[in-house]
Protein backbone atom coordinates (compact mmCIF):
# COMPACT_ATOMS: atom_id res chain seq x y z
CA MET A 1 122.32 -157.72 -78.87
CA LEU A 2 124.15 -155.50 -80.94
CA VAL A 3 124.59 -153.43 -77.81
CA ASP A 4 125.47 -156.39 -76.07
CA THR A 5 128.83 -156.74 -77.98
CA LEU A 6 130.01 -153.39 -77.87
CA LEU A 7 129.57 -153.38 -74.36
CA THR A 8 131.45 -156.27 -74.40
CA PHE A 9 134.34 -154.76 -76.27
CA PHE A 10 134.84 -151.86 -73.77
CA VAL A 11 134.85 -154.29 -70.92
CA VAL A 12 137.44 -156.76 -72.14
CA ARG A 13 139.49 -153.51 -73.84
CA TYR A 14 139.62 -151.43 -70.59
CA LEU A 15 138.73 -152.99 -67.86
CA TRP A 16 139.90 -156.34 -68.32
CA ARG A 17 142.99 -154.49 -70.35
CA TYR A 18 143.42 -156.66 -72.97
CA PRO A 19 145.45 -156.42 -76.11
CA LEU A 20 143.13 -154.30 -79.32
CA TRP A 21 143.68 -157.07 -81.91
CA LEU A 22 142.92 -159.76 -79.13
CA CYS A 23 139.38 -157.35 -78.28
CA VAL A 24 138.42 -156.63 -82.26
CA LEU A 25 138.88 -160.30 -83.31
CA ALA A 26 136.55 -161.69 -80.03
CA THR A 27 134.06 -159.48 -80.20
CA GLY A 28 134.18 -158.48 -84.22
CA PHE A 29 133.07 -161.77 -84.98
CA PHE A 30 129.76 -161.54 -83.15
CA LEU A 31 129.38 -157.75 -84.30
CA VAL A 32 129.15 -159.22 -88.05
CA ILE A 33 126.47 -161.63 -86.83
CA ASP A 34 124.53 -158.71 -85.06
CA VAL A 35 124.37 -156.82 -87.70
CA ALA A 36 122.68 -159.34 -90.18
CA PHE A 37 120.40 -160.31 -87.63
CA PHE A 38 119.86 -156.52 -87.17
CA SER A 39 119.47 -155.56 -90.93
CA ALA A 40 117.14 -158.84 -90.82
CA THR A 41 114.61 -158.07 -87.96
CA LEU A 42 114.59 -154.51 -89.37
CA LEU A 43 112.92 -155.59 -92.57
CA LYS A 44 110.33 -157.57 -91.38
CA ILE A 45 109.68 -154.84 -88.68
CA ALA A 46 109.32 -152.26 -91.89
CA LEU A 47 107.52 -154.68 -93.80
CA THR A 48 105.18 -155.04 -90.99
CA HIS A 49 104.51 -152.03 -90.30
CA HIS A 50 104.50 -150.35 -94.35
CA LEU A 51 108.04 -148.16 -93.30
CA VAL A 52 110.29 -147.65 -95.97
CA THR A 53 113.89 -148.60 -95.37
CA LYS A 54 116.54 -148.80 -98.19
CA TYR A 55 115.38 -152.69 -98.72
CA THR A 56 111.69 -152.02 -99.10
CA SER A 57 109.48 -148.86 -101.00
CA LEU A 58 106.11 -148.12 -100.56
CA VAL A 59 103.18 -149.65 -102.98
CA ALA A 60 100.04 -148.70 -103.71
CA VAL A 61 97.64 -152.36 -103.23
CA ASP A 62 93.97 -151.92 -104.61
CA ARG A 63 91.88 -154.64 -102.33
CA ALA A 64 89.02 -154.29 -104.69
CA PRO A 65 88.22 -157.67 -106.39
CA ALA A 66 89.35 -157.46 -110.38
CA ARG A 67 86.05 -159.82 -111.01
CA PRO A 68 83.24 -160.80 -108.96
CA ASP A 69 82.87 -163.71 -107.04
CA GLY A 70 81.60 -166.70 -109.38
CA ALA A 71 82.29 -164.83 -112.35
CA ALA A 72 84.02 -167.69 -114.98
CA LEU A 73 87.85 -166.92 -115.92
CA LYS A 74 88.65 -165.64 -119.32
CA GLU A 75 91.26 -166.89 -121.76
CA ALA A 76 92.63 -165.02 -124.41
CA ALA A 77 95.99 -165.23 -125.88
CA LEU A 78 97.94 -162.25 -125.63
CA PRO A 79 99.91 -161.10 -128.48
CA THR A 80 103.98 -161.17 -128.11
CA ASN A 81 105.96 -158.17 -128.82
CA LEU A 82 109.26 -158.95 -129.05
CA PRO A 83 112.42 -156.20 -130.26
CA ASP A 84 112.22 -154.83 -133.78
CA GLY A 85 113.78 -157.38 -135.98
CA TRP A 86 112.86 -160.39 -134.23
CA THR A 87 110.77 -163.20 -135.29
CA TYR A 88 108.62 -165.32 -133.86
CA ASP A 89 109.78 -168.21 -135.01
CA ALA A 90 113.42 -167.72 -134.17
CA VAL A 91 112.80 -167.25 -130.82
CA PHE A 92 110.17 -169.66 -130.08
CA GLY A 93 110.96 -172.33 -133.01
CA GLU A 94 113.34 -175.40 -132.67
CA LEU A 95 116.18 -175.82 -130.72
CA PRO A 96 119.46 -174.91 -132.59
CA ARG A 97 121.47 -178.13 -133.15
CA GLY A 98 125.14 -178.09 -132.61
CA ALA A 99 128.40 -179.29 -134.54
CA THR A 100 128.90 -182.16 -132.18
CA ASP A 101 126.90 -185.31 -130.99
CA ALA A 102 126.07 -185.32 -127.45
CA ARG A 103 125.48 -189.15 -127.10
CA PHE A 104 129.02 -189.39 -128.25
CA ASN A 105 130.68 -187.06 -125.51
CA LEU A 106 128.54 -188.91 -123.03
CA LEU A 107 129.74 -191.86 -124.02
CA LEU A 108 133.30 -190.42 -123.85
CA GLY A 109 133.25 -188.95 -120.87
CA ALA A 110 131.68 -192.46 -119.24
CA LEU A 111 134.69 -194.19 -120.63
CA LEU A 112 137.15 -192.21 -119.81
CA LEU A 113 135.74 -191.98 -116.27
CA LEU A 114 136.09 -195.86 -116.54
CA ALA A 115 139.18 -196.03 -117.79
CA ALA A 116 140.90 -193.47 -114.94
CA THR A 117 138.74 -194.90 -112.54
CA LEU A 118 140.83 -198.54 -113.76
CA ALA A 119 144.26 -197.01 -113.72
CA PHE A 120 144.06 -195.76 -110.70
CA GLY A 121 142.50 -199.07 -108.95
CA MET A 122 146.18 -200.84 -110.55
CA ARG A 123 148.05 -198.00 -108.96
CA ARG A 124 146.42 -198.86 -106.10
CA ARG A 125 146.79 -202.33 -106.28
CA PHE A 126 151.01 -202.50 -107.35
CA ALA A 127 152.02 -200.34 -105.13
CA SER A 128 150.86 -202.29 -102.09
């Protein structure tokens, strides 16, 4: 499709003798779409055939099972490694409380919305 768009440009420009700005405008739109499809298809081909591209890399995958089939899963708590100077309670503790009450802001917003709706309705009623 990319080649077709480029060939279309040359046919429209040199065979049909359209102005350059019109040729670029007409085929540029399709060229952008073709490049997007081409790059998406290139990525699919690279992933299917394990090729290295700008958007893919080589990754080694070990297909050997990590535990035998039928073995029970183990559950264990892992330590949390925080940066130096951080404390667990400060990061995962209670959420901080703000200076304003959210319920008050919600109520105030709803009242202002109601007042604006009434004012708009009154203006339309008296205008007609």
